[in-house]
Amino acid sequence: MLSSMNMPDGIQRRRTALDELNMRIIFEENDIVCAEVRNFQHDGSLQLQARSRKYGKLEKGQLLIIDPYLVKKSKQHFHHLEQFGIGLILGRNGYIYGLANMLKLETVW
């Protein structure tokens, strides 16, 4: 479940029944999102949050999936590779997302 997040127009999301139905306008199944884990539920599900502009739906990039044990635990998962003009998000789940447009990344990170 995705709880708090910034909407594309910069407005903070308010969770209501109508809001949950309208989330289908923004997100679809198999979309790639970047979010923080807020809480683990007793049934094994996760509660996610995307409270700042650096989190949310990821578009116009490439996703590489590796074994999660290859990703070291780190305080920082957002990285700039300025010499190549790309940014990387290293997920602890083994998902590595690369984005070539550094201008977009600099405004968010």
PDB file of N, CA and C in Angstrom:
ATOM      1  N   MET A   1       0.847  -1.163   0.000  1.00  0.00           N
ATOM      2  CA  MET A   1       0.000   0.000   0.000  1.00  0.00           C
ATOM      3  C   MET A   1       0.899   1.235   0.000  1.00  0.00           C
ATOM      4  N   LEU A   2       0.575   2.186  -0.852  1.00  0.00           N
ATOM      5  CA  LEU A   2       1.305   3.449  -0.936  1.00  0.00           C
ATOM      6  C   LEU A   2       0.520   4.495  -0.166  1.00  0.00           C
ATOM      7  N   SER A   3       1.074   4.959   0.961  1.00  0.00           N
ATOM      8  CA  SER A   3       0.315   5.894   1.799  1.00  0.00           C
ATOM      9  C   SER A   3       0.583   7.330   1.383  1.00  0.00           C
ATOM     10  N   SER A   4       1.532   7.982   1.980  1.00  0.00           N
ATOM     11  CA  SER A   4       1.729   9.395   1.667  1.00  0.00           C
ATOM     12  C   SER A   4       2.649   9.556   0.466  1.00  0.00           C
ATOM     13  N   MET A   5       2.270  10.482  -0.417  1.00  0.00           N
ATOM     14  CA  MET A   5       3.086  10.750  -1.597  1.00  0.00           C
ATOM     15  C   MET A   5       2.739  12.114  -2.156  1.00  0.00           C
ATOM     16  N   ASN A   6       3.677  12.672  -2.892  1.00  0.00           N
ATOM     17  CA  ASN A   6       3.425  13.914  -3.615  1.00  0.00           C
ATOM     18  C   ASN A   6       2.826  13.566  -4.959  1.00  0.00           C
ATOM     19  N   MET A   7       1.778  14.265  -5.320  1.00  0.00           N
ATOM     20  CA  MET A   7       1.126  14.063  -6.604  1.00  0.00           C
ATOM     21  C   MET A   7       1.931  14.786  -7.684  1.00  0.00           C
ATOM     22  N   PRO A   8       1.707  14.455  -8.969  1.00  0.00           N
ATOM     23  CA  PRO A   8       2.483  15.089 -10.040  1.00  0.00           C
ATOM     24  C   PRO A   8       2.424  16.616 -10.041  1.00  0.00           C
ATOM     25  N   ASP A   9       1.344  17.197  -9.573  1.00  0.00           N
ATOM     26  CA  ASP A   9       1.246  18.657  -9.544  1.00  0.00           C
ATOM     27  C   ASP A   9       1.839  19.259  -8.275  1.00  0.00           C
ATOM     28  N   GLY A  10       2.502  18.429  -7.444  1.00  0.00           N
ATOM     29  CA  GLY A  10       3.173  18.914  -6.250  1.00  0.00           C
ATOM     30  C   GLY A  10       2.313  18.954  -5.003  1.00  0.00           C
ATOM     31  N   ILE A  11       1.055  18.600  -5.100  1.00  0.00           N
ATOM     32  CA  ILE A  11       0.146  18.614  -3.954  1.00  0.00           C
ATOM     33  C   ILE A  11       0.319  17.319  -3.170  1.00  0.00           C
ATOM     34  N   GLN A  12       0.326  17.420  -1.839  1.00  0.00           N
ATOM     35  CA  GLN A  12       0.436  16.234  -0.996  1.00  0.00           C
ATOM     36  C   GLN A  12      -0.861  15.438  -1.068  1.00  0.00           C
ATOM     37  N   ARG A  13      -0.745  14.132  -1.240  1.00  0.00           N
ATOM     38  CA  ARG A  13      -1.917  13.260  -1.352  1.00  0.00           C
ATOM     39  C   ARG A  13      -2.641  13.166  -0.019  1.00  0.00           C
ATOM     40  N   ARG A  14      -3.959  13.189  -0.067  1.00  0.00           N
ATOM     41  CA  ARG A  14      -4.805  12.949   1.106  1.00  0.00           C
ATOM     42  C   ARG A  14      -5.558  11.647   0.870  1.00  0.00           C
ATOM     43  N   ARG A  15      -5.411  10.715   1.806  1.00  0.00           N
ATOM     44  CA  ARG A  15      -6.021   9.399   1.625  1.00  0.00           C
ATOM     45  C   ARG A  15      -7.501   9.435   1.961  1.00  0.00           C
ATOM     46  N   THR A  16      -8.311   9.251   0.929  1.00  0.00           N
ATOM     47  CA  THR A  16      -9.755   9.105   1.078  1.00  0.00           C
ATOM     48  C   THR A  16     -10.173   7.953   0.172  1.00  0.00           C
ATOM     49  N   ALA A  17     -11.416   7.528   0.290  1.00  0.00           N
ATOM     50  CA  ALA A  17     -11.903   6.441  -0.573  1.00  0.00           C
ATOM     51  C   ALA A  17     -11.869   6.867  -2.040  1.00  0.00           C
ATOM     52  N   LEU A  18     -12.244   8.100  -2.316  1.00  0.00           N
ATOM     53  CA  LEU A  18     -12.212   8.604  -3.689  1.00  0.00           C
ATOM     54  C   LEU A  18     -10.777   8.680  -4.209  1.00  0.00           C
ATOM     55  N   ASP A  19      -9.863   9.084  -3.329  1.00  0.00           N
ATOM     56  CA  ASP A  19      -8.453   9.168  -3.713  1.00  0.00           C
ATOM     57  C   ASP A  19      -7.909   7.805  -4.119  1.00  0.00           C
ATOM     58  N   GLU A  20      -8.263   6.771  -3.380  1.00  0.00           N
ATOM     59  CA  GLU A  20      -7.786   5.430  -3.708  1.00  0.00           C
ATOM     60  C   GLU A  20      -8.262   4.995  -5.086  1.00  0.00           C
ATOM     61  N   LEU A  21      -9.480   5.352  -5.446  1.00  0.00           N
ATOM     62  CA  LEU A  21      -9.988   5.029  -6.779  1.00  0.00           C
ATOM     63  C   LEU A  21      -9.269   5.840  -7.856  1.00  0.00           C
ATOM     64  N   ASN A  22      -8.959   7.085  -7.560  1.00  0.00           N
ATOM     65  CA  ASN A  22      -8.300   7.950  -8.536  1.00  0.00           C
ATOM     66  C   ASN A  22      -6.824   7.623  -8.737  1.00  0.00           C
ATOM     67  N   MET A  23      -6.221   6.838  -7.852  1.00  0.00           N
ATOM     68  CA  MET A  23      -4.808   6.478  -8.008  1.00  0.00           C
ATOM     69  C   MET A  23      -4.574   5.686  -9.290  1.00  0.00           C
ATOM     70  N   ARG A  24      -5.603   5.046  -9.819  1.00  0.00           N
ATOM     71  CA  ARG A  24      -5.476   4.313 -11.086  1.00  0.00           C
ATOM     72  C   ARG A  24      -5.178   5.248 -12.251  1.00  0.00           C
ATOM     73  N   ILE A  25      -5.506   6.518 -12.104  1.00  0.00           N
ATOM     74  CA  ILE A  25      -5.187   7.488 -13.150  1.00  0.00           C
ATOM     75  C   ILE A  25      -3.675   7.694 -13.219  1.00  0.00           C
ATOM     76  N   ILE A  26      -3.010   7.656 -12.072  1.00  0.00           N
ATOM     77  CA  ILE A  26      -1.572   7.906 -12.004  1.00  0.00           C
ATOM     78  C   ILE A  26      -0.768   6.620 -12.146  1.00  0.00           C
ATOM     79  N   PHE A  27      -1.185   5.564 -11.451  1.00  0.00           N
ATOM     80  CA  PHE A  27      -0.435   4.311 -11.447  1.00  0.00           C
ATOM     81  C   PHE A  27      -1.246   3.184 -12.066  1.00  0.00           C
ATOM     82  N   GLU A  28      -0.535   2.284 -12.747  1.00  0.00           N
ATOM     83  CA  GLU A  28      -1.127   1.064 -13.288  1.00  0.00           C
ATOM     84  C   GLU A  28      -0.287  -0.117 -12.809  1.00  0.00           C
ATOM     85  N   GLU A  29      -0.797  -1.322 -12.990  1.00  0.00           N
ATOM     86  CA  GLU A  29      -0.022  -2.496 -12.660  1.00  0.00           C
ATOM     87  C   GLU A  29       1.258  -2.485 -13.487  1.00  0.00           C
ATOM     88  N   ASN A  30       2.344  -2.967 -12.895  1.00  0.00           N
ATOM     89  CA  ASN A  30       3.674  -3.065 -13.504  1.00  0.00           C
ATOM     90  C   ASN A  30       4.379  -1.729 -13.672  1.00  0.00           C
ATOM     91  N   ASP A  31       3.856  -0.639 -13.117  1.00  0.00           N
ATOM     92  CA  ASP A  31       4.603   0.615 -13.079  1.00  0.00           C
ATOM     93  C   ASP A  31       5.760   0.451 -12.104  1.00  0.00           C
ATOM     94  N   ILE A  32       6.836   1.161 -12.357  1.00  0.00           N
ATOM     95  CA  ILE A  32       7.989   1.132 -11.468  1.00  0.00           C
ATOM     96  C   ILE A  32       7.941   2.392 -10.618  1.00  0.00           C
ATOM     97  N   VAL A  33       7.966   2.216  -9.295  1.00  0.00           N
ATOM     98  CA  VAL A  33       7.933   3.357  -8.388  1.00  0.00           C
ATOM     99  C   VAL A  33       9.126   3.287  -7.444  1.00  0.00           C
ATOM    100  N   CYS A  34       9.550   4.436  -7.004  1.00  0.00           N
ATOM    101  CA  CYS A  34      10.598   4.546  -6.002  1.00  0.00           C
ATOM    102  C   CYS A  34       9.933   5.079  -4.739  1.00  0.00           C
ATOM    103  N   ALA A  35      10.081   4.359  -3.628  1.00  0.00           N
ATOM    104  CA  ALA A  35       9.425   4.757  -2.382  1.00  0.00           C
ATOM    105  C   ALA A  35      10.226   4.243  -1.194  1.00  0.00           C
ATOM    106  N   GLU A  36       9.951   4.815  -0.034  1.00  0.00           N
ATOM    107  CA  GLU A  36      10.530   4.339   1.214  1.00  0.00           C
ATOM    108  C   GLU A  36       9.591   3.320   1.840  1.00  0.00           C
ATOM    109  N   VAL A  37      10.157   2.330   2.513  1.00  0.00           N
ATOM    110  CA  VAL A  37       9.331   1.393   3.273  1.00  0.00           C
ATOM    111  C   VAL A  37       8.974   2.075   4.588  1.00  0.00           C
ATOM    112  N   ARG A  38       7.693   2.245   4.810  1.00  0.00           N
ATOM    113  CA  ARG A  38       7.216   2.908   6.026  1.00  0.00           C
ATOM    114  C   ARG A  38       6.986   1.914   7.151  1.00  0.00           C
ATOM    115  N   ASN A  39       6.412   0.742   6.793  1.00  0.00           N
ATOM    116  CA  ASN A  39       6.033  -0.214   7.820  1.00  0.00           C
ATOM    117  C   ASN A  39       5.843  -1.588   7.197  1.00  0.00           C
ATOM    118  N   PHE A  40       6.102  -2.622   7.984  1.00  0.00           N
ATOM    119  CA  PHE A  40       5.798  -3.993   7.591  1.00  0.00           C
ATOM    120  C   PHE A  40       4.496  -4.394   8.266  1.00  0.00           C
ATOM    121  N   GLN A  41       3.569  -4.964   7.509  1.00  0.00           N
ATOM    122  CA  GLN A  41       2.290  -5.401   8.059  1.00  0.00           C
ATOM    123  C   GLN A  41       2.398  -6.850   8.543  1.00  0.00           C
ATOM    124  N   HIS A  42       1.481  -7.261   9.401  1.00  0.00           N
ATOM    125  CA  HIS A  42       1.488  -8.623   9.942  1.00  0.00           C
ATOM    126  C   HIS A  42       1.234  -9.677   8.872  1.00  0.00           C
ATOM    127  N   ASP A  43       0.533  -9.301   7.808  1.00  0.00           N
ATOM    128  CA  ASP A  43       0.240 -10.263   6.743  1.00  0.00           C
ATOM    129  C   ASP A  43       1.369 -10.376   5.721  1.00  0.00           C
ATOM    130  N   GLY A  44       2.491  -9.681   5.969  1.00  0.00           N
ATOM    131  CA  GLY A  44       3.638  -9.749   5.062  1.00  0.00           C
ATOM    132  C   GLY A  44       3.674  -8.646   4.017  1.00  0.00           C
ATOM    133  N   SER A  45       2.637  -7.833   3.959  1.00  0.00           N
ATOM    134  CA  SER A  45       2.628  -6.734   2.989  1.00  0.00           C
ATOM    135  C   SER A  45       3.418  -5.541   3.539  1.00  0.00           C
ATOM    136  N   LEU A  46       3.706  -4.603   2.664  1.00  0.00           N
ATOM    137  CA  LEU A  46       4.473  -3.421   3.030  1.00  0.00           C
ATOM    138  C   LEU A  46       3.615  -2.175   2.915  1.00  0.00           C
ATOM    139  N   GLN A  47       3.919  -1.203   3.733  1.00  0.00           N
ATOM    140  CA  GLN A  47       3.319   0.114   3.593  1.00  0.00           C
ATOM    141  C   GLN A  47       4.434   1.041   3.125  1.00  0.00           C
ATOM    142  N   LEU A  48       4.228   1.666   1.955  1.00  0.00           N
ATOM    143  CA  LEU A  48       5.240   2.513   1.341  1.00  0.00           C
ATOM    144  C   LEU A  48       4.844   3.974   1.441  1.00  0.00           C
ATOM    145  N   GLN A  49       5.853   4.845   1.359  1.00  0.00           N
ATOM    146  CA  GLN A  49       5.579   6.275   1.301  1.00  0.00           C
ATOM    147  C   GLN A  49       6.546   6.928   0.326  1.00  0.00           C
ATOM    148  N   ALA A  50       6.067   7.960  -0.325  1.00  0.00           N
ATOM    149  CA  ALA A  50       6.868   8.724  -1.281  1.00  0.00           C
ATOM    150  C   ALA A  50       6.586  10.194  -1.018  1.00  0.00           C
ATOM    151  N   ARG A  51       7.193  10.723   0.041  1.00  0.00           N
ATOM    152  CA  ARG A  51       6.816  12.046   0.528  1.00  0.00           C
ATOM    153  C   ARG A  51       7.543  13.207  -0.138  1.00  0.00           C
ATOM    154  N   SER A  52       8.598  12.965  -0.873  1.00  0.00           N
ATOM    155  CA  SER A  52       9.298  14.077  -1.509  1.00  0.00           C
ATOM    156  C   SER A  52       9.357  13.861  -3.014  1.00  0.00           C
ATOM    157  N   ARG A  53       9.840  14.868  -3.730  1.00  0.00           N
ATOM    158  CA  ARG A  53       9.848  14.815  -5.190  1.00  0.00           C
ATOM    159  C   ARG A  53      10.807  13.764  -5.736  1.00  0.00           C
ATOM    160  N   LYS A  54      11.772  13.305  -4.945  1.00  0.00           N
ATOM    161  CA  LYS A  54      12.701  12.305  -5.474  1.00  0.00           C
ATOM    162  C   LYS A  54      12.078  10.912  -5.537  1.00  0.00           C
ATOM    163  N   TYR A  55      10.930  10.737  -4.921  1.00  0.00           N
ATOM    164  CA  TYR A  55      10.223   9.466  -4.967  1.00  0.00           C
ATOM    165  C   TYR A  55       9.014   9.569  -5.883  1.00  0.00           C
ATOM    166  N   GLY A  56       8.506   8.420  -6.300  1.00  0.00           N
ATOM    167  CA  GLY A  56       7.315   8.392  -7.139  1.00  0.00           C
ATOM    168  C   GLY A  56       7.497   7.456  -8.319  1.00  0.00           C
ATOM    169  N   LYS A  57       6.705   7.678  -9.339  1.00  0.00           N
ATOM    170  CA  LYS A  57       6.728   6.839 -10.532  1.00  0.00           C
ATOM    171  C   LYS A  57       7.992   7.123 -11.336  1.00  0.00           C
ATOM    172  N   LEU A  58       8.679   6.059 -11.752  1.00  0.00           N
ATOM    173  CA  LEU A  58       9.897   6.195 -12.549  1.00  0.00           C
ATOM    174  C   LEU A  58       9.564   5.959 -14.009  1.00  0.00           C
ATOM    175  N   GLU A  59       9.979   6.899 -14.844  1.00  0.00           N
ATOM    176  CA  GLU A  59       9.691   6.811 -16.272  1.00  0.00           C
ATOM    177  C   GLU A  59      10.936   7.187 -17.069  1.00  0.00           C
ATOM    178  N   LYS A  60      10.986   6.746 -18.313  1.00  0.00           N
ATOM    179  CA  LYS A  60      12.032   7.116 -19.269  1.00  0.00           C
ATOM    180  C   LYS A  60      13.424   6.736 -18.785  1.00  0.00           C
ATOM    181  N   GLY A  61      13.551   5.555 -18.253  1.00  0.00           N
ATOM    182  CA  GLY A  61      14.835   5.044 -17.809  1.00  0.00           C
ATOM    183  C   GLY A  61      14.915   3.558 -18.107  1.00  0.00           C
ATOM    184  N   GLN A  62      15.945   2.924 -17.586  1.00  0.00           N
ATOM    185  CA  GLN A  62      16.148   1.496 -17.787  1.00  0.00           C
ATOM    186  C   GLN A  62      16.220   0.796 -16.436  1.00  0.00           C
ATOM    187  N   LEU A  63      15.603  -0.368 -16.364  1.00  0.00           N
ATOM    188  CA  LEU A  63      15.599  -1.168 -15.143  1.00  0.00           C
ATOM    189  C   LEU A  63      16.463  -2.397 -15.347  1.00  0.00           C
ATOM    190  N   LEU A  64      17.378  -2.619 -14.416  1.00  0.00           N
ATOM    191  CA  LEU A  64      18.223  -3.809 -14.397  1.00  0.00           C
ATOM    192  C   LEU A  64      17.913  -4.549 -13.102  1.00  0.00           C
ATOM    193  N   ILE A  65      17.651  -5.846 -13.201  1.00  0.00           N
ATOM    194  CA  ILE A  65      17.322  -6.641 -12.016  1.00  0.00           C
ATOM    195  C   ILE A  65      18.458  -7.622 -11.756  1.00  0.00           C
ATOM    196  N   ILE A  66      19.018  -7.549 -10.547  1.00  0.00           N
ATOM    197  CA  ILE A  66      20.094  -8.449 -10.142  1.00  0.00           C
ATOM    198  C   ILE A  66      19.679  -9.134  -8.841  1.00  0.00           C
ATOM    199  N   ASP A  67      20.488 -10.090  -8.391  1.00  0.00           N
ATOM    200  CA  ASP A  67      20.209 -10.729  -7.105  1.00  0.00           C
ATOM    201  C   ASP A  67      20.367  -9.703  -5.981  1.00  0.00           C
ATOM    202  N   PRO A  68      19.399  -9.625  -5.070  1.00  0.00           N
ATOM    203  CA  PRO A  68      19.440  -8.603  -4.012  1.00  0.00           C
ATOM    204  C   PRO A  68      20.690  -8.656  -3.139  1.00  0.00           C
ATOM    205  N   TYR A  69      21.294  -9.822  -2.953  1.00  0.00           N
ATOM    206  CA  TYR A  69      22.469  -9.897  -2.089  1.00  0.00           C
ATOM    207  C   TYR A  69      23.668  -9.150  -2.675  1.00  0.00           C
ATOM    208  N   LEU A  70      23.617  -8.792  -3.952  1.00  0.00           N
ATOM    209  CA  LEU A  70      24.706  -8.047  -4.581  1.00  0.00           C
ATOM    210  C   LEU A  70      24.655  -6.550  -4.272  1.00  0.00           C
ATOM    211  N   VAL A  71      23.543  -6.071  -3.729  1.00  0.00           N
ATOM    212  CA  VAL A  71      23.404  -4.649  -3.398  1.00  0.00           C
ATOM    213  C   VAL A  71      23.757  -4.462  -1.929  1.00  0.00           C
ATOM    214  N   LYS A  72      24.827  -3.711  -1.674  1.00  0.00           N
ATOM    215  CA  LYS A  72      25.256  -3.468  -0.303  1.00  0.00           C
ATOM    216  C   LYS A  72      24.310  -2.496   0.391  1.00  0.00           C
ATOM    217  N   LYS A  73      24.120  -2.703   1.682  1.00  0.00           N
ATOM    218  CA  LYS A  73      23.319  -1.776   2.472  1.00  0.00           C
ATOM    219  C   LYS A  73      24.055  -0.439   2.537  1.00  0.00           C
ATOM    220  N   SER A  74      23.315   0.619   2.307  1.00  0.00           N
ATOM    221  CA  SER A  74      23.913   1.948   2.258  1.00  0.00           C
ATOM    222  C   SER A  74      22.898   2.977   2.739  1.00  0.00           C
ATOM    223  N   LYS A  75      23.397   4.096   3.252  1.00  0.00           N
ATOM    224  CA  LYS A  75      22.490   5.176   3.644  1.00  0.00           C
ATOM    225  C   LYS A  75      22.003   5.936   2.426  1.00  0.00           C
ATOM    226  N   GLN A  76      22.753   5.899   1.340  1.00  0.00           N
ATOM    227  CA  GLN A  76      22.411   6.635   0.124  1.00  0.00           C
ATOM    228  C   GLN A  76      22.199   5.654  -1.027  1.00  0.00           C
ATOM    229  N   HIS A  77      21.022   5.687  -1.623  1.00  0.00           N
ATOM    230  CA  HIS A  77      20.712   4.797  -2.738  1.00  0.00           C
ATOM    231  C   HIS A  77      20.597   5.536  -4.058  1.00  0.00           C
ATOM    232  N   PHE A  78      20.696   6.866  -4.020  1.00  0.00           N
ATOM    233  CA  PHE A  78      20.647   7.686  -5.226  1.00  0.00           C
ATOM    234  C   PHE A  78      22.073   8.119  -5.557  1.00  0.00           C
ATOM    235  N   HIS A  79      22.520   7.838  -6.774  1.00  0.00           N
ATOM    236  CA  HIS A  79      23.902   8.138  -7.156  1.00  0.00           C
ATOM    237  C   HIS A  79      23.955   8.849  -8.501  1.00  0.00           C
ATOM    238  N   HIS A  80      24.863   9.822  -8.598  1.00  0.00           N
ATOM    239  CA  HIS A  80      25.139  10.521  -9.856  1.00  0.00           C
ATOM    240  C   HIS A  80      26.440   9.981 -10.431  1.00  0.00           C
ATOM    241  N   LEU A  81      26.442   9.666 -11.694  1.00  0.00           N
ATOM    242  CA  LEU A  81      27.675   9.338 -12.407  1.00  0.00           C
ATOM    243  C   LEU A  81      27.870  10.448 -13.435  1.00  0.00           C
ATOM    244  N   GLU A  82      28.401  11.578 -12.955  1.00  0.00           N
ATOM    245  CA  GLU A  82      28.475  12.783 -13.778  1.00  0.00           C
ATOM    246  C   GLU A  82      29.279  12.581 -15.051  1.00  0.00           C
ATOM    247  N   GLN A  83      30.362  11.802 -14.977  1.00  0.00           N
ATOM    248  CA  GLN A  83      31.196  11.597 -16.157  1.00  0.00           C
ATOM    249  C   GLN A  83      30.447  10.882 -17.279  1.00  0.00           C
ATOM    250  N   PHE A  84      29.395  10.145 -16.936  1.00  0.00           N
ATOM    251  CA  PHE A  84      28.581   9.449 -17.935  1.00  0.00           C
ATOM    252  C   PHE A  84      27.239  10.141 -18.175  1.00  0.00           C
ATOM    253  N   GLY A  85      26.922  11.128 -17.360  1.00  0.00           N
ATOM    254  CA  GLY A  85      25.671  11.856 -17.508  1.00  0.00           C
ATOM    255  C   GLY A  85      24.445  11.053 -17.128  1.00  0.00           C
ATOM    256  N   ILE A  86      24.600  10.142 -16.158  1.00  0.00           N
ATOM    257  CA  ILE A  86      23.460   9.328 -15.739  1.00  0.00           C
ATOM    258  C   ILE A  86      23.316   9.355 -14.218  1.00  0.00           C
ATOM    259  N   GLY A  87      22.149   8.976 -13.776  1.00  0.00           N
ATOM    260  CA  GLY A  87      21.885   8.788 -12.364  1.00  0.00           C
ATOM    261  C   GLY A  87      21.382   7.376 -12.141  1.00  0.00           C
ATOM    262  N   LEU A  88      21.685   6.823 -10.984  1.00  0.00           N
ATOM    263  CA  LEU A  88      21.270   5.461 -10.646  1.00  0.00           C
ATOM    264  C   LEU A  88      20.540   5.450  -9.315  1.00  0.00           C
ATOM    265  N   ILE A  89      19.535   4.608  -9.228  1.00  0.00           N
ATOM    266  CA  ILE A  89      18.874   4.304  -7.964  1.00  0.00           C
ATOM    267  C   ILE A  89      19.141   2.830  -7.699  1.00  0.00           C
ATOM    268  N   LEU A  90      19.810   2.543  -6.589  1.00  0.00           N
ATOM    269  CA  LEU A  90      20.134   1.164  -6.226  1.00  0.00           C
ATOM    270  C   LEU A  90      19.157   0.695  -5.160  1.00  0.00           C
ATOM    271  N   GLY A  91      18.250  -0.183  -5.536  1.00  0.00           N
ATOM    272  CA  GLY A  91      17.257  -0.698  -4.599  1.00  0.00           C
ATOM    273  C   GLY A  91      17.773  -1.914  -3.864  1.00  0.00           C
ATOM    274  N   ARG A  92      17.433  -2.035  -2.601  1.00  0.00           N
ATOM    275  CA  ARG A  92      17.854  -3.195  -1.809  1.00  0.00           C
ATOM    276  C   ARG A  92      17.203  -4.478  -2.289  1.00  0.00           C
ATOM    277  N   ASN A  93      16.169  -4.367  -3.132  1.00  0.00           N
ATOM    278  CA  ASN A  93      15.495  -5.540  -3.681  1.00  0.00           C
ATOM    279  C   ASN A  93      16.183  -6.069  -4.933  1.00  0.00           C
ATOM    280  N   GLY A  94      17.323  -5.463  -5.322  1.00  0.00           N
ATOM    281  CA  GLY A  94      18.044  -5.900  -6.507  1.00  0.00           C
ATOM    282  C   GLY A  94      17.666  -5.143  -7.765  1.00  0.00           C
ATOM    283  N   TYR A  95      16.793  -4.174  -7.645  1.00  0.00           N
ATOM    284  CA  TYR A  95      16.397  -3.370  -8.797  1.00  0.00           C
ATOM    285  C   TYR A  95      17.333  -2.167  -8.898  1.00  0.00           C
ATOM    286  N   ILE A  96      17.927  -1.990 -10.054  1.00  0.00           N
ATOM    287  CA  ILE A  96      18.777  -0.836 -10.332  1.00  0.00           C
ATOM    288  C   ILE A  96      18.127  -0.075 -11.473  1.00  0.00           C
ATOM    289  N   TYR A  97      17.821   1.183 -11.216  1.00  0.00           N
ATOM    290  CA  TYR A  97      17.150   2.009 -12.218  1.00  0.00           C
ATOM    291  C   TYR A  97      18.104   3.095 -12.676  1.00  0.00           C
ATOM    292  N   GLY A  98      18.319   3.185 -13.977  1.00  0.00           N
ATOM    293  CA  GLY A  98      19.206   4.190 -14.543  1.00  0.00           C
ATOM    294  C   GLY A  98      18.438   5.182 -15.379  1.00  0.00           C
ATOM    295  N   LEU A  99      18.826   6.438 -15.252  1.00  0.00           N
ATOM    296  CA  LEU A  99      18.174   7.515 -15.989  1.00  0.00           C
ATOM    297  C   LEU A  99      19.253   8.394 -16.597  1.00  0.00           C
ATOM    298  N   ALA A 100      19.181   8.616 -17.909  1.00  0.00           N
ATOM    299  CA  ALA A 100      20.226   9.346 -18.615  1.00  0.00           C
ATOM    300  C   ALA A 100      20.071  10.850 -18.534  1.00  0.00           C
ATOM    301  N   ASN A 101      18.923  11.358 -18.209  1.00  0.00           N
ATOM    302  CA  ASN A 101      18.696  12.798 -18.215  1.00  0.00           C
ATOM    303  C   ASN A 101      19.116  13.405 -16.882  1.00  0.00           C
ATOM    304  N   MET A 102      20.355  13.856 -16.787  1.00  0.00           N
ATOM    305  CA  MET A 102      20.856  14.415 -15.532  1.00  0.00           C
ATOM    306  C   MET A 102      20.132  15.694 -15.128  1.00  0.00           C
ATOM    307  N   LEU A 103      19.632  16.469 -16.081  1.00  0.00           N
ATOM    308  CA  LEU A 103      18.921  17.697 -15.725  1.00  0.00           C
ATOM    309  C   LEU A 103      17.700  17.377 -14.888  1.00  0.00           C
ATOM    310  N   LYS A 104      16.993  16.321 -15.243  1.00  0.00           N
ATOM    311  CA  LYS A 104      15.819  15.919 -14.471  1.00  0.00           C
ATOM    312  C   LYS A 104      16.242  15.480 -13.071  1.00  0.00           C
ATOM    313  N   LEU A 105      17.331  14.727 -12.968  1.00  0.00           N
ATOM    314  CA  LEU A 105      17.779  14.239 -11.675  1.00  0.00           C
ATOM    315  C   LEU A 105      18.233  15.368 -10.769  1.00  0.00           C
ATOM    316  N   GLU A 106      18.948  16.354 -11.318  1.00  0.00           N
ATOM    317  CA  GLU A 106      19.465  17.433 -10.492  1.00  0.00           C
ATOM    318  C   GLU A 106      18.349  18.251  -9.863  1.00  0.00           C
ATOM    319  N   THR A 107      17.214  18.362 -10.527  1.00  0.00           N
ATOM    320  CA  THR A 107      16.109  19.121  -9.945  1.00  0.00           C
ATOM    321  C   THR A 107      15.441  18.347  -8.819  1.00  0.00           C
ATOM    322  N   VAL A 108      15.581  17.035  -8.817  1.00  0.00           N
ATOM    323  CA  VAL A 108      14.927  16.205  -7.806  1.00  0.00           C
ATOM    324  C   VAL A 108      15.882  15.827  -6.687  1.00  0.00           C
ATOM    325  N   TRP A 109      17.120  15.428  -7.005  1.00  0.00           N
ATOM    326  CA  TRP A 109      18.060  14.960  -5.988  1.00  0.00           C
ATOM    327  C   TRP A 109      18.772  16.122  -5.437  1.00  0.00           C
TER     328      TRP A 109
END
